């Protein structure tokens, strides 16, 4: 009985967090910070063989994102309580923040020349 309890605890700890990350477009090449764009939950029946509908999770219009599919402790407990008949996965879409406008650097960094552009419409 003690071995069964140790094995069950080990399986609970080891299986509780499964993460798959898939980069789409140029997500990895973009140097800005990322944030969670959208979230969703996918439900499966019969040990993951039959999906219950399809989760529609929004993605950025640029197409550059990271899809993170994760089975966390709550998902594992749902699967354990139902003996695998119902399983769930958590889906997150991560995107990059838009670049802040960068100031143009002068060609000759040693010069003290300052360029001023007047964009007013005064006539």
PDB file of N, CA and C in Angstrom:
ATOM      1  N   UNK A   1       0.826  -1.197   0.000  1.00  0.00           N
ATOM      2  CA  UNK A   1       0.000   0.000   0.000  1.00  0.00           C
ATOM      3  C   UNK A   1       0.869   1.259   0.000  1.00  0.00           C
ATOM      4  N   UNK A   2       1.970   1.209   0.756  1.00  0.00           N
ATOM      5  CA  UNK A   2       2.863   2.360   0.833  1.00  0.00           C
ATOM      6  C   UNK A   2       3.500   2.639  -0.526  1.00  0.00           C
ATOM      7  N   UNK A   3       3.882   1.593  -1.261  1.00  0.00           N
ATOM      8  CA  UNK A   3       4.475   1.762  -2.592  1.00  0.00           C
ATOM      9  C   UNK A   3       3.463   2.376  -3.554  1.00  0.00           C
ATOM     10  N   UNK A   4       2.209   1.941  -3.447  1.00  0.00           N
ATOM     11  CA  UNK A   4       1.161   2.477  -4.308  1.00  0.00           C
ATOM     12  C   UNK A   4       0.956   3.968  -4.042  1.00  0.00           C
ATOM     13  N   UNK A   5       0.994   4.358  -2.769  1.00  0.00           N
ATOM     14  CA  UNK A   5       0.823   5.761  -2.406  1.00  0.00           C
ATOM     15  C   UNK A   5       1.990   6.604  -2.916  1.00  0.00           C
ATOM     16  N   UNK A   6       3.208   6.085  -2.790  1.00  0.00           N
ATOM     17  CA  UNK A   6       4.384   6.799  -3.294  1.00  0.00           C
ATOM     18  C   UNK A   6       4.321   6.922  -4.809  1.00  0.00           C
ATOM     19  N   UNK A   7       3.951   5.844  -5.488  1.00  0.00           N
ATOM     20  CA  UNK A   7       3.830   5.864  -6.946  1.00  0.00           C
ATOM     21  C   UNK A   7       2.752   6.850  -7.393  1.00  0.00           C
ATOM     22  N   UNK A   8       1.617   6.840  -6.725  1.00  0.00           N
ATOM     23  CA  UNK A   8       0.535   7.765  -7.065  1.00  0.00           C
ATOM     24  C   UNK A   8       0.935   9.217  -6.866  1.00  0.00           C
ATOM     25  N   UNK A   9       1.636   9.498  -5.776  1.00  0.00           N
ATOM     26  CA  UNK A   9       2.107  10.857  -5.512  1.00  0.00           C
ATOM     27  C   UNK A   9       3.120  11.294  -6.562  1.00  0.00           C
ATOM     28  N   UNK A  10       4.033  10.398  -6.910  1.00  0.00           N
ATOM     29  CA  UNK A  10       5.039  10.718  -7.933  1.00  0.00           C
ATOM     30  C   UNK A  10       4.379  10.988  -9.278  1.00  0.00           C
ATOM     31  N   UNK A  11       3.393  10.181  -9.649  1.00  0.00           N
ATOM     32  CA  UNK A  11       2.691  10.401 -10.915  1.00  0.00           C
ATOM     33  C   UNK A  11       1.932  11.726 -10.909  1.00  0.00           C
ATOM     34  N   UNK A  12       1.331  12.056  -9.785  1.00  0.00           N
ATOM     35  CA  UNK A  12       0.606  13.319  -9.675  1.00  0.00           C
ATOM     36  C   UNK A  12       1.546  14.504  -9.861  1.00  0.00           C
ATOM     37  N   UNK A  13       2.703  14.437  -9.235  1.00  0.00           N
ATOM     38  CA  UNK A  13       3.664  15.540  -9.333  1.00  0.00           C
ATOM     39  C   UNK A  13       4.258  15.626 -10.731  1.00  0.00           C
ATOM     40  N   UNK A  14       4.636  14.497 -11.303  1.00  0.00           N
ATOM     41  CA  UNK A  14       5.311  14.509 -12.597  1.00  0.00           C
ATOM     42  C   UNK A  14       4.369  14.810 -13.759  1.00  0.00           C
ATOM     43  N   UNK A  15       3.129  14.394 -13.682  1.00  0.00           N
ATOM     44  CA  UNK A  15       2.195  14.588 -14.787  1.00  0.00           C
ATOM     45  C   UNK A  15       1.398  15.878 -14.681  1.00  0.00           C
ATOM     46  N   UNK A  16       1.514  16.581 -13.581  1.00  0.00           N
ATOM     47  CA  UNK A  16       0.667  17.744 -13.356  1.00  0.00           C
ATOM     48  C   UNK A  16       0.998  18.911 -14.281  1.00  0.00           C
ATOM     49  N   UNK A  17       2.203  19.007 -14.748  1.00  0.00           N
ATOM     50  CA  UNK A  17       2.575  20.156 -15.577  1.00  0.00           C
ATOM     51  C   UNK A  17       3.233  19.693 -16.867  1.00  0.00           C
ATOM     52  N   UNK A  18       2.470  19.699 -17.926  1.00  0.00           N
ATOM     53  CA  UNK A  18       2.989  19.385 -19.255  1.00  0.00           C
ATOM     54  C   UNK A  18       2.747  20.618 -20.103  1.00  0.00           C
ATOM     55  N   UNK A  19       3.801  21.120 -20.711  1.00  0.00           N
ATOM     56  CA  UNK A  19       3.700  22.349 -21.492  1.00  0.00           C
ATOM     57  C   UNK A  19       4.275  22.138 -22.883  1.00  0.00           C
ATOM     58  N   UNK A  20       3.538  22.602 -23.890  1.00  0.00           N
ATOM     59  CA  UNK A  20       4.017  22.599 -25.267  1.00  0.00           C
ATOM     60  C   UNK A  20       3.945  24.029 -25.783  1.00  0.00           C
ATOM     61  N   UNK A  21       5.074  24.543 -26.266  1.00  0.00           N
ATOM     62  CA  UNK A  21       5.125  25.906 -26.807  1.00  0.00           C
ATOM     63  C   UNK A  21       5.432  25.834 -28.296  1.00  0.00           C
ATOM     64  N   UNK A  22       4.610  26.512 -29.090  1.00  0.00           N
ATOM     65  CA  UNK A  22       4.796  26.540 -30.534  1.00  0.00           C
ATOM     66  C   UNK A  22       4.868  27.991 -30.988  1.00  0.00           C
ATOM     67  N   UNK A  23       6.003  28.377 -31.548  1.00  0.00           N
ATOM     68  CA  UNK A  23       6.165  29.733 -32.071  1.00  0.00           C
ATOM     69  C   UNK A  23       5.575  29.815 -33.472  1.00  0.00           C
ATOM     70  N   UNK A  24       4.812  30.879 -33.726  1.00  0.00           N
ATOM     71  CA  UNK A  24       4.179  31.089 -35.022  1.00  0.00           C
ATOM     72  C   UNK A  24       4.703  32.401 -35.597  1.00  0.00           C
ATOM     73  N   UNK A  25       5.043  32.386 -36.868  1.00  0.00           N
ATOM     74  CA  UNK A  25       5.551  33.593 -37.511  1.00  0.00           C
ATOM     75  C   UNK A  25       6.913  33.965 -36.971  1.00  0.00           C
ATOM     76  N   UNK A  26       7.106  35.254 -36.730  1.00  0.00           N
ATOM     77  CA  UNK A  26       8.396  35.742 -36.251  1.00  0.00           C
ATOM     78  C   UNK A  26       8.327  36.125 -34.780  1.00  0.00           C
ATOM     79  N   UNK A  27       7.610  35.330 -33.999  1.00  0.00           N
ATOM     80  CA  UNK A  27       7.459  35.618 -32.574  1.00  0.00           C
ATOM     81  C   UNK A  27       8.803  35.643 -31.863  1.00  0.00           C
ATOM     82  N   UNK A  28       9.632  34.671 -32.116  1.00  0.00           N
ATOM     83  CA  UNK A  28      10.907  34.557 -31.404  1.00  0.00           C
ATOM     84  C   UNK A  28      11.881  35.670 -31.792  1.00  0.00           C
ATOM     85  N   UNK A  29      11.822  36.150 -33.027  1.00  0.00           N
ATOM     86  CA  UNK A  29      12.759  37.169 -33.494  1.00  0.00           C
ATOM     87  C   UNK A  29      12.411  38.570 -32.995  1.00  0.00           C
ATOM     88  N   UNK A  30      11.183  38.779 -32.548  1.00  0.00           N
ATOM     89  CA  UNK A  30      10.753  40.098 -32.091  1.00  0.00           C
ATOM     90  C   UNK A  30      11.292  40.344 -30.686  1.00  0.00           C
ATOM     91  N   UNK A  31      12.068  41.431 -30.482  1.00  0.00           N
ATOM     92  CA  UNK A  31      12.754  41.624 -29.206  1.00  0.00           C
ATOM     93  C   UNK A  31      11.923  42.254 -28.084  1.00  0.00           C
ATOM     94  N   UNK A  32      10.675  42.601 -28.312  1.00  0.00           N
ATOM     95  CA  UNK A  32       9.890  43.263 -27.266  1.00  0.00           C
ATOM     96  C   UNK A  32       9.334  42.242 -26.283  1.00  0.00           C
ATOM     97  N   UNK A  33       8.750  42.749 -25.186  1.00  0.00           N
ATOM     98  CA  UNK A  33       8.229  41.843 -24.161  1.00  0.00           C
ATOM     99  C   UNK A  33       6.925  41.195 -24.625  1.00  0.00           C
ATOM    100  N   UNK A  34       6.645  39.994 -24.102  1.00  0.00           N
ATOM    101  CA  UNK A  34       5.425  39.301 -24.498  1.00  0.00           C
ATOM    102  C   UNK A  34       4.369  39.413 -23.399  1.00  0.00           C
ATOM    103  N   UNK A  35       3.118  39.215 -23.797  1.00  0.00           N
ATOM    104  CA  UNK A  35       1.985  39.262 -22.883  1.00  0.00           C
ATOM    105  C   UNK A  35       0.958  38.237 -23.348  1.00  0.00           C
ATOM    106  N   UNK A  36       0.022  37.888 -22.466  1.00  0.00           N
ATOM    107  CA  UNK A  36      -1.015  36.916 -22.809  1.00  0.00           C
ATOM    108  C   UNK A  36      -2.084  37.635 -23.618  1.00  0.00           C
ATOM    109  N   UNK A  37      -2.240  37.225 -24.877  1.00  0.00           N
ATOM    110  CA  UNK A  37      -3.189  37.850 -25.793  1.00  0.00           C
ATOM    111  C   UNK A  37      -4.591  37.273 -25.594  1.00  0.00           C
ATOM    112  N   UNK A  38      -4.680  35.944 -25.417  1.00  0.00           N
ATOM    113  CA  UNK A  38      -5.973  35.283 -25.244  1.00  0.00           C
ATOM    114  C   UNK A  38      -5.775  33.970 -24.495  1.00  0.00           C
ATOM    115  N   UNK A  39      -6.874  33.460 -23.910  1.00  0.00           N
ATOM    116  CA  UNK A  39      -6.844  32.192 -23.178  1.00  0.00           C
ATOM    117  C   UNK A  39      -8.026  31.337 -23.613  1.00  0.00           C
ATOM    118  N   UNK A  40      -7.876  30.040 -23.426  1.00  0.00           N
ATOM    119  CA  UNK A  40      -8.962  29.126 -23.730  1.00  0.00           C
ATOM    120  C   UNK A  40      -8.768  27.803 -23.012  1.00  0.00           C
ATOM    121  N   UNK A  41      -9.786  26.962 -23.060  1.00  0.00           N
ATOM    122  CA  UNK A  41      -9.743  25.657 -22.420  1.00  0.00           C
ATOM    123  C   UNK A  41     -10.305  24.647 -23.409  1.00  0.00           C
ATOM    124  N   UNK A  42      -9.552  23.594 -23.700  1.00  0.00           N
ATOM    125  CA  UNK A  42     -10.008  22.533 -24.597  1.00  0.00           C
ATOM    126  C   UNK A  42     -10.405  21.325 -23.760  1.00  0.00           C
ATOM    127  N   UNK A  43     -11.574  20.766 -24.043  1.00  0.00           N
ATOM    128  CA  UNK A  43     -12.083  19.599 -23.323  1.00  0.00           C
ATOM    129  C   UNK A  43     -12.075  18.404 -24.269  1.00  0.00           C
ATOM    130  N   UNK A  44     -11.616  17.260 -23.757  1.00  0.00           N
ATOM    131  CA  UNK A  44     -11.538  16.021 -24.522  1.00  0.00           C
ATOM    132  C   UNK A  44     -12.279  14.914 -23.784  1.00  0.00           C
ATOM    133  N   UNK A  45     -12.770  13.936 -24.519  1.00  0.00           N
ATOM    134  CA  UNK A  45     -13.402  12.755 -23.932  1.00  0.00           C
ATOM    135  C   UNK A  45     -12.584  11.515 -24.255  1.00  0.00           C
ATOM    136  N   UNK A  46     -12.754  10.511 -23.425  1.00  0.00           N
ATOM    137  CA  UNK A  46     -12.151   9.189 -23.636  1.00  0.00           C
ATOM    138  C   UNK A  46     -10.639   9.271 -23.842  1.00  0.00           C
ATOM    139  N   UNK A  47      -9.973   9.787 -22.803  1.00  0.00           N
ATOM    140  CA  UNK A  47      -8.513   9.812 -22.739  1.00  0.00           C
ATOM    141  C   UNK A  47      -7.885  10.631 -23.864  1.00  0.00           C
ATOM    142  N   UNK A  48      -8.557  11.678 -24.271  1.00  0.00           N
ATOM    143  CA  UNK A  48      -8.017  12.577 -25.282  1.00  0.00           C
ATOM    144  C   UNK A  48      -8.272  12.152 -26.710  1.00  0.00           C
ATOM    145  N   UNK A  49      -9.168  11.200 -26.922  1.00  0.00           N
ATOM    146  CA  UNK A  49      -9.430  10.717 -28.280  1.00  0.00           C
ATOM    147  C   UNK A  49     -10.488  11.529 -29.020  1.00  0.00           C
ATOM    148  N   UNK A  50     -11.436  12.105 -28.305  1.00  0.00           N
ATOM    149  CA  UNK A  50     -12.558  12.787 -28.939  1.00  0.00           C
ATOM    150  C   UNK A  50     -12.683  14.207 -28.378  1.00  0.00           C
ATOM    151  N   UNK A  51     -12.458  15.235 -29.207  1.00  0.00           N
ATOM    152  CA  UNK A  51     -12.590  16.606 -28.700  1.00  0.00           C
ATOM    153  C   UNK A  51     -14.056  16.989 -28.527  1.00  0.00           C
ATOM    154  N   UNK A  52     -14.345  17.745 -27.494  1.00  0.00           N
ATOM    155  CA  UNK A  52     -15.684  18.282 -27.279  1.00  0.00           C
ATOM    156  C   UNK A  52     -15.675  19.678 -27.891  1.00  0.00           C
ATOM    157  N   UNK A  53     -16.072  19.764 -29.150  1.00  0.00           N
ATOM    158  CA  UNK A  53     -16.009  21.033 -29.865  1.00  0.00           C
ATOM    159  C   UNK A  53     -14.570  21.426 -30.130  1.00  0.00           C
ATOM    160  N   UNK A  54     -14.393  22.596 -30.652  1.00  0.00           N
ATOM    161  CA  UNK A  54     -13.059  23.152 -30.895  1.00  0.00           C
ATOM    162  C   UNK A  54     -13.002  24.515 -30.228  1.00  0.00           C
ATOM    163  N   UNK A  55     -12.003  24.710 -29.425  1.00  0.00           N
ATOM    164  CA  UNK A  55     -11.835  25.987 -28.750  1.00  0.00           C
ATOM    165  C   UNK A  55     -11.361  27.025 -29.750  1.00  0.00           C
ATOM    166  N   UNK A  56     -12.065  28.133 -29.823  1.00  0.00           N
ATOM    167  CA  UNK A  56     -11.668  29.225 -30.707  1.00  0.00           C
ATOM    168  C   UNK A  56     -10.969  30.280 -29.852  1.00  0.00           C
ATOM    169  N   UNK A  57      -9.664  30.393 -30.043  1.00  0.00           N
ATOM    170  CA  UNK A  57      -8.866  31.366 -29.307  1.00  0.00           C
ATOM    171  C   UNK A  57      -8.340  32.376 -30.314  1.00  0.00           C
ATOM    172  N   UNK A  58      -8.578  33.657 -30.047  1.00  0.00           N
ATOM    173  CA  UNK A  58      -8.138  34.717 -30.964  1.00  0.00           C
ATOM    174  C   UNK A  58      -6.622  34.780 -31.044  1.00  0.00           C
ATOM    175  N   UNK A  59      -6.130  35.142 -32.213  1.00  0.00           N
ATOM    176  CA  UNK A  59      -4.698  35.346 -32.421  1.00  0.00           C
ATOM    177  C   UNK A  59      -4.484  36.750 -32.980  1.00  0.00           C
ATOM    178  N   UNK A  60      -3.302  37.306 -32.811  1.00  0.00           N
ATOM    179  CA  UNK A  60      -3.036  38.654 -33.329  1.00  0.00           C
ATOM    180  C   UNK A  60      -3.147  38.702 -34.850  1.00  0.00           C
ATOM    181  N   UNK A  61      -3.524  39.852 -35.378  1.00  0.00           N
ATOM    182  CA  UNK A  61      -3.683  39.989 -36.827  1.00  0.00           C
ATOM    183  C   UNK A  61      -2.357  39.845 -37.563  1.00  0.00           C
ATOM    184  N   UNK A  62      -1.246  40.144 -36.885  1.00  0.00           N
ATOM    185  CA  UNK A  62       0.067  40.000 -37.529  1.00  0.00           C
ATOM    186  C   UNK A  62       0.439  38.536 -37.722  1.00  0.00           C
ATOM    187  N   UNK A  63      -0.178  37.656 -36.948  1.00  0.00           N
ATOM    188  CA  UNK A  63       0.134  36.233 -37.045  1.00  0.00           C
ATOM    189  C   UNK A  63       1.338  35.821 -36.225  1.00  0.00           C
ATOM    190  N   UNK A  64       2.047  36.763 -35.636  1.00  0.00           N
ATOM    191  CA  UNK A  64       3.218  36.455 -34.821  1.00  0.00           C
ATOM    192  C   UNK A  64       2.777  36.225 -33.381  1.00  0.00           C
ATOM    193  N   UNK A  65       2.844  34.979 -32.938  1.00  0.00           N
ATOM    194  CA  UNK A  65       2.420  34.658 -31.587  1.00  0.00           C
ATOM    195  C   UNK A  65       3.068  33.350 -31.136  1.00  0.00           C
ATOM    196  N   UNK A  66       2.819  33.003 -29.897  1.00  0.00           N
ATOM    197  CA  UNK A  66       3.275  31.728 -29.362  1.00  0.00           C
ATOM    198  C   UNK A  66       2.055  31.038 -28.767  1.00  0.00           C
ATOM    199  N   UNK A  67       1.806  29.800 -29.180  1.00  0.00           N
ATOM    200  CA  UNK A  67       0.699  29.019 -28.658  1.00  0.00           C
ATOM    201  C   UNK A  67       1.259  28.130 -27.553  1.00  0.00           C
ATOM    202  N   UNK A  68       0.738  28.304 -26.343  1.00  0.00           N
ATOM    203  CA  UNK A  68       1.189  27.524 -25.192  1.00  0.00           C
ATOM    204  C   UNK A  68       0.037  26.626 -24.765  1.00  0.00           C
ATOM    205  N   UNK A  69       0.225  25.323 -24.902  1.00  0.00           N
ATOM    206  CA  UNK A  69      -0.766  24.344 -24.475  1.00  0.00           C
ATOM    207  C   UNK A  69      -0.223  23.682 -23.224  1.00  0.00           C
ATOM    208  N   UNK A  70      -1.011  23.721 -22.157  1.00  0.00           N
ATOM    209  CA  UNK A  70      -0.505  23.245 -20.873  1.00  0.00           C
ATOM    210  C   UNK A  70      -1.550  22.405 -20.157  1.00  0.00           C
ATOM    211  N   UNK A  71      -1.082  21.349 -19.538  1.00  0.00           N
ATOM    212  CA  UNK A  71      -1.911  20.571 -18.631  1.00  0.00           C
ATOM    213  C   UNK A  71      -1.410  20.886 -17.233  1.00  0.00           C
ATOM    214  N   UNK A  72      -2.193  21.629 -16.464  1.00  0.00           N
ATOM    215  CA  UNK A  72      -1.765  22.005 -15.126  1.00  0.00           C
ATOM    216  C   UNK A  72      -2.422  21.103 -14.083  1.00  0.00           C
ATOM    217  N   UNK A  73      -2.237  21.412 -12.829  1.00  0.00           N
ATOM    218  CA  UNK A  73      -2.731  20.561 -11.754  1.00  0.00           C
ATOM    219  C   UNK A  73      -4.251  20.421 -11.797  1.00  0.00           C
ATOM    220  N   UNK A  74      -4.968  21.509 -12.060  1.00  0.00           N
ATOM    221  CA  UNK A  74      -6.435  21.435 -12.126  1.00  0.00           C
ATOM    222  C   UNK A  74      -6.881  20.521 -13.267  1.00  0.00           C
ATOM    223  N   UNK A  75      -6.216  20.624 -14.415  1.00  0.00           N
ATOM    224  CA  UNK A  75      -6.547  19.751 -15.546  1.00  0.00           C
ATOM    225  C   UNK A  75      -6.280  18.291 -15.198  1.00  0.00           C
ATOM    226  N   UNK A  76      -5.177  18.046 -14.516  1.00  0.00           N
ATOM    227  CA  UNK A  76      -4.829  16.679 -14.130  1.00  0.00           C
ATOM    228  C   UNK A  76      -5.842  16.123 -13.129  1.00  0.00           C
ATOM    229  N   UNK A  77      -6.302  16.957 -12.195  1.00  0.00           N
ATOM    230  CA  UNK A  77      -7.296  16.498 -11.225  1.00  0.00           C
ATOM    231  C   UNK A  77      -8.615  16.145 -11.904  1.00  0.00           C
ATOM    232  N   UNK A  78      -9.025  16.935 -12.882  1.00  0.00           N
ATOM    233  CA  UNK A  78     -10.255  16.617 -13.625  1.00  0.00           C
ATOM    234  C   UNK A  78     -10.112  15.268 -14.302  1.00  0.00           C
ATOM    235  N   UNK A  79      -8.973  15.041 -14.913  1.00  0.00           N
ATOM    236  CA  UNK A  79      -8.720  13.761 -15.573  1.00  0.00           C
ATOM    237  C   UNK A  79      -8.679  12.622 -14.561  1.00  0.00           C
ATOM    238  N   UNK A  80      -8.063  12.860 -13.417  1.00  0.00           N
ATOM    239  CA  UNK A  80      -7.957  11.813 -12.401  1.00  0.00           C
ATOM    240  C   UNK A  80      -9.291  11.459 -11.783  1.00  0.00           C
ATOM    241  N   UNK A  81     -10.116  12.461 -11.502  1.00  0.00           N
ATOM    242  CA  UNK A  81     -11.419  12.217 -10.878  1.00  0.00           C
ATOM    243  C   UNK A  81     -12.337  11.456 -11.822  1.00  0.00           C
ATOM    244  N   UNK A  82     -12.249  11.738 -13.113  1.00  0.00           N
ATOM    245  CA  UNK A  82     -13.124  11.065 -14.092  1.00  0.00           C
ATOM    246  C   UNK A  82     -12.461   9.843 -14.722  1.00  0.00           C
ATOM    247  N   UNK A  83     -11.330   9.419 -14.178  1.00  0.00           N
ATOM    248  CA  UNK A  83     -10.581   8.258 -14.692  1.00  0.00           C
ATOM    249  C   UNK A  83     -10.204   8.435 -16.161  1.00  0.00           C
ATOM    250  N   UNK A  84      -9.961   9.669 -16.569  1.00  0.00           N
ATOM    251  CA  UNK A  84      -9.521   9.941 -17.928  1.00  0.00           C
ATOM    252  C   UNK A  84     -10.635  10.082 -18.939  1.00  0.00           C
ATOM    253  N   UNK A  85     -11.860   9.868 -18.525  1.00  0.00           N
ATOM    254  CA  UNK A  85     -12.977   9.994 -19.468  1.00  0.00           C
ATOM    255  C   UNK A  85     -13.109  11.441 -19.936  1.00  0.00           C
ATOM    256  N   UNK A  86     -12.871  12.391 -19.045  1.00  0.00           N
ATOM    257  CA  UNK A  86     -12.861  13.808 -19.400  1.00  0.00           C
ATOM    258  C   UNK A  86     -11.469  14.347 -19.084  1.00  0.00           C
ATOM    259  N   UNK A  87     -10.836  14.964 -20.073  1.00  0.00           N
ATOM    260  CA  UNK A  87      -9.545  15.616 -19.856  1.00  0.00           C
ATOM    261  C   UNK A  87      -9.623  17.035 -20.406  1.00  0.00           C
ATOM    262  N   UNK A  88      -8.825  17.905 -19.840  1.00  0.00           N
ATOM    263  CA  UNK A  88      -8.815  19.296 -20.280  1.00  0.00           C
ATOM    264  C   UNK A  88      -7.380  19.770 -20.474  1.00  0.00           C
ATOM    265  N   UNK A  89      -7.232  20.800 -21.297  1.00  0.00           N
ATOM    266  CA  UNK A  89      -5.954  21.469 -21.520  1.00  0.00           C
ATOM    267  C   UNK A  89      -6.190  22.975 -21.487  1.00  0.00           C
ATOM    268  N   UNK A  90      -5.237  23.690 -20.964  1.00  0.00           N
ATOM    269  CA  UNK A  90      -5.292  25.145 -20.939  1.00  0.00           C
ATOM    270  C   UNK A  90      -4.486  25.675 -22.116  1.00  0.00           C
ATOM    271  N   UNK A  91      -5.068  26.615 -22.864  1.00  0.00           N
ATOM    272  CA  UNK A  91      -4.409  27.182 -24.037  1.00  0.00           C
ATOM    273  C   UNK A  91      -4.220  28.677 -23.810  1.00  0.00           C
ATOM    274  N   UNK A  92      -2.994  29.154 -24.032  1.00  0.00           N
ATOM    275  CA  UNK A  92      -2.703  30.584 -23.963  1.00  0.00           C
ATOM    276  C   UNK A  92      -2.052  31.006 -25.270  1.00  0.00           C
ATOM    277  N   UNK A  93      -2.440  32.171 -25.744  1.00  0.00           N
ATOM    278  CA  UNK A  93      -1.807  32.781 -26.908  1.00  0.00           C
ATOM    279  C   UNK A  93      -1.006  33.969 -26.399  1.00  0.00           C
ATOM    280  N   UNK A  94       0.301  33.930 -26.629  1.00  0.00           N
ATOM    281  CA  UNK A  94       1.168  35.038 -26.229  1.00  0.00           C
ATOM    282  C   UNK A  94       1.550  35.832 -27.468  1.00  0.00           C
ATOM    283  N   UNK A  95       1.575  37.147 -27.321  1.00  0.00           N
ATOM    284  CA  UNK A  95       1.968  38.038 -28.416  1.00  0.00           C
ATOM    285  C   UNK A  95       3.000  39.020 -27.880  1.00  0.00           C
ATOM    286  N   UNK A  96       3.623  39.739 -28.787  1.00  0.00           N
ATOM    287  CA  UNK A  96       4.621  40.741 -28.412  1.00  0.00           C
ATOM    288  C   UNK A  96       3.982  42.120 -28.402  1.00  0.00           C
ATOM    289  N   UNK A  97       4.411  42.948 -27.474  1.00  0.00           N
ATOM    290  CA  UNK A  97       3.936  44.333 -27.433  1.00  0.00           C
ATOM    291  C   UNK A  97       4.505  45.085 -28.626  1.00  0.00           C
ATOM    292  N   UNK A  98       3.760  46.074 -29.088  1.00  0.00           N
ATOM    293  CA  UNK A  98       4.223  46.883 -30.215  1.00  0.00           C
ATOM    294  C   UNK A  98       5.469  47.649 -29.799  1.00  0.00           C
ATOM    295  N   UNK A  99       6.372  47.842 -30.748  1.00  0.00           N
ATOM    296  CA  UNK A  99       7.596  48.599 -30.469  1.00  0.00           C
ATOM    297  C   UNK A  99       7.259  50.052 -30.179  1.00  0.00           C
ATOM    298  N   UNK A 100       7.904  50.586 -29.165  1.00  0.00           N
ATOM    299  CA  UNK A 100       7.769  52.013 -28.880  1.00  0.00           C
ATOM    300  C   UNK A 100       8.528  52.772 -29.950  1.00  0.00           C
ATOM    301  N   UNK A 101       8.050  53.947 -30.337  1.00  0.00           N
ATOM    302  CA  UNK A 101       8.773  54.702 -31.365  1.00  0.00           C
ATOM    303  C   UNK A 101      10.193  55.007 -30.892  1.00  0.00           C
ATOM    304  N   UNK A 102      11.143  54.760 -31.746  1.00  0.00           N
ATOM    305  CA  UNK A 102      12.535  55.009 -31.407  1.00  0.00           C
ATOM    306  C   UNK A 102      12.974  56.312 -32.048  1.00  0.00           C
ATOM    307  N   UNK A 103      13.784  57.074 -31.314  1.00  0.00           N
ATOM    308  CA  UNK A 103      14.289  58.326 -31.846  1.00  0.00           C
ATOM    309  C   UNK A 103      15.403  58.028 -32.832  1.00  0.00           C
ATOM    310  N   UNK A 104      15.421  58.786 -33.902  1.00  0.00           N
ATOM    311  CA  UNK A 104      16.466  58.593 -34.909  1.00  0.00           C
ATOM    312  C   UNK A 104      17.796  59.058 -34.349  1.00  0.00           C
ATOM    313  N   UNK A 105      18.817  58.262 -34.560  1.00  0.00           N
ATOM    314  CA  UNK A 105      20.161  58.617 -34.123  1.00  0.00           C
ATOM    315  C   UNK A 105      20.858  59.346 -35.266  1.00  0.00           C
ATOM    316  N   UNK A 106      21.565  60.432 -34.971  1.00  0.00           N
ATOM    317  CA  UNK A 106      22.280  61.147 -36.026  1.00  0.00           C
ATOM    318  C   UNK A 106      23.394  60.287 -36.600  1.00  0.00           C
ATOM    319  N   UNK A 107      23.736  60.545 -37.861  1.00  0.00           N
ATOM    320  CA  UNK A 107      24.782  59.777 -38.540  1.00  0.00           C
ATOM    321  C   UNK A 107      26.122  59.924 -37.847  1.00  0.00           C
ATOM    322  N   UNK A 108      26.482  61.139 -37.487  1.00  0.00           N
ATOM    323  CA  UNK A 108      27.773  61.394 -36.836  1.00  0.00           C
ATOM    324  C   UNK A 108      27.528  61.587 -35.350  1.00  0.00           C
ATOM    325  N   UNK A 109      27.807  60.572 -34.567  1.00  0.00           N
ATOM    326  CA  UNK A 109      27.520  60.635 -33.137  1.00  0.00           C
ATOM    327  C   UNK A 109      28.389  61.661 -32.429  1.00  0.00           C
ATOM    328  N   UNK A 110      29.555  62.026 -32.998  1.00  0.00           N
ATOM    329  CA  UNK A 110      30.449  62.989 -32.364  1.00  0.00           C
ATOM    330  C   UNK A 110      29.973  64.421 -32.509  1.00  0.00           C
ATOM    331  N   UNK A 111      29.145  64.724 -33.483  1.00  0.00           N
ATOM    332  CA  UNK A 111      28.649  66.084 -33.705  1.00  0.00           C
ATOM    333  C   UNK A 111      27.629  66.452 -32.643  1.00  0.00           C
ATOM    334  N   UNK A 112      27.486  67.738 -32.426  1.00  0.00           N
ATOM    335  CA  UNK A 112      26.470  68.227 -31.505  1.00  0.00           C
ATOM    336  C   UNK A 112      25.319  68.856 -32.270  1.00  0.00           C
ATOM    337  N   UNK A 113      25.184  68.514 -33.526  1.00  0.00           N
ATOM    338  CA  UNK A 113      24.123  69.057 -34.358  1.00  0.00           C
ATOM    339  C   UNK A 113      22.788  68.458 -33.927  1.00  0.00           C
ATOM    340  N   UNK A 114      21.781  69.310 -33.799  1.00  0.00           N
ATOM    341  CA  UNK A 114      20.447  68.854 -33.426  1.00  0.00           C
ATOM    342  C   UNK A 114      19.515  69.173 -34.581  1.00  0.00           C
ATOM    343  N   UNK A 115      18.767  68.199 -35.011  1.00  0.00           N
ATOM    344  CA  UNK A 115      17.791  68.413 -36.075  1.00  0.00           C
ATOM    345  C   UNK A 115      16.436  68.666 -35.443  1.00  0.00           C
ATOM    346  N   UNK A 116      15.790  69.750 -35.880  1.00  0.00           N
ATOM    347  CA  UNK A 116      14.469  70.090 -35.370  1.00  0.00           C
ATOM    348  C   UNK A 116      13.521  70.110 -36.553  1.00  0.00           C
ATOM    349  N   UNK A 117      12.445  69.393 -36.433  1.00  0.00           N
ATOM    350  CA  UNK A 117      11.437  69.337 -37.490  1.00  0.00           C
ATOM    351  C   UNK A 117      10.167  69.985 -36.965  1.00  0.00           C
ATOM    352  N   UNK A 118       9.661  70.957 -37.703  1.00  0.00           N
ATOM    353  CA  UNK A 118       8.438  71.627 -37.329  1.00  0.00           C
ATOM    354  C   UNK A 118       7.307  71.015 -38.139  1.00  0.00           C
ATOM    355  N   UNK A 119       6.367  70.402 -37.457  1.00  0.00           N
ATOM    356  CA  UNK A 119       5.252  69.741 -38.141  1.00  0.00           C
ATOM    357  C   UNK A 119       3.944  70.502 -37.973  1.00  0.00           C
ATOM    358  N   UNK A 120       4.020  71.767 -37.621  1.00  0.00           N
ATOM    359  CA  UNK A 120       2.785  72.524 -37.444  1.00  0.00           C
ATOM    360  C   UNK A 120       2.248  72.947 -38.806  1.00  0.00           C
ATOM    361  N   UNK A 121       0.968  73.187 -38.852  1.00  0.00           N
ATOM    362  CA  UNK A 121       0.307  73.586 -40.096  1.00  0.00           C
ATOM    363  C   UNK A 121       0.006  75.079 -40.121  1.00  0.00           C
ATOM    364  N   UNK A 122       0.752  75.881 -39.382  1.00  0.00           N
ATOM    365  CA  UNK A 122       0.522  77.331 -39.381  1.00  0.00           C
ATOM    366  C   UNK A 122       0.927  77.912 -40.729  1.00  0.00           C
ATOM    367  N   UNK A 123       0.076  78.741 -41.323  1.00  0.00           N
ATOM    368  CA  UNK A 123       0.352  79.309 -42.638  1.00  0.00           C
ATOM    369  C   UNK A 123       0.433  80.788 -42.560  1.00  0.00           C
TER     370      UNK A 123
END
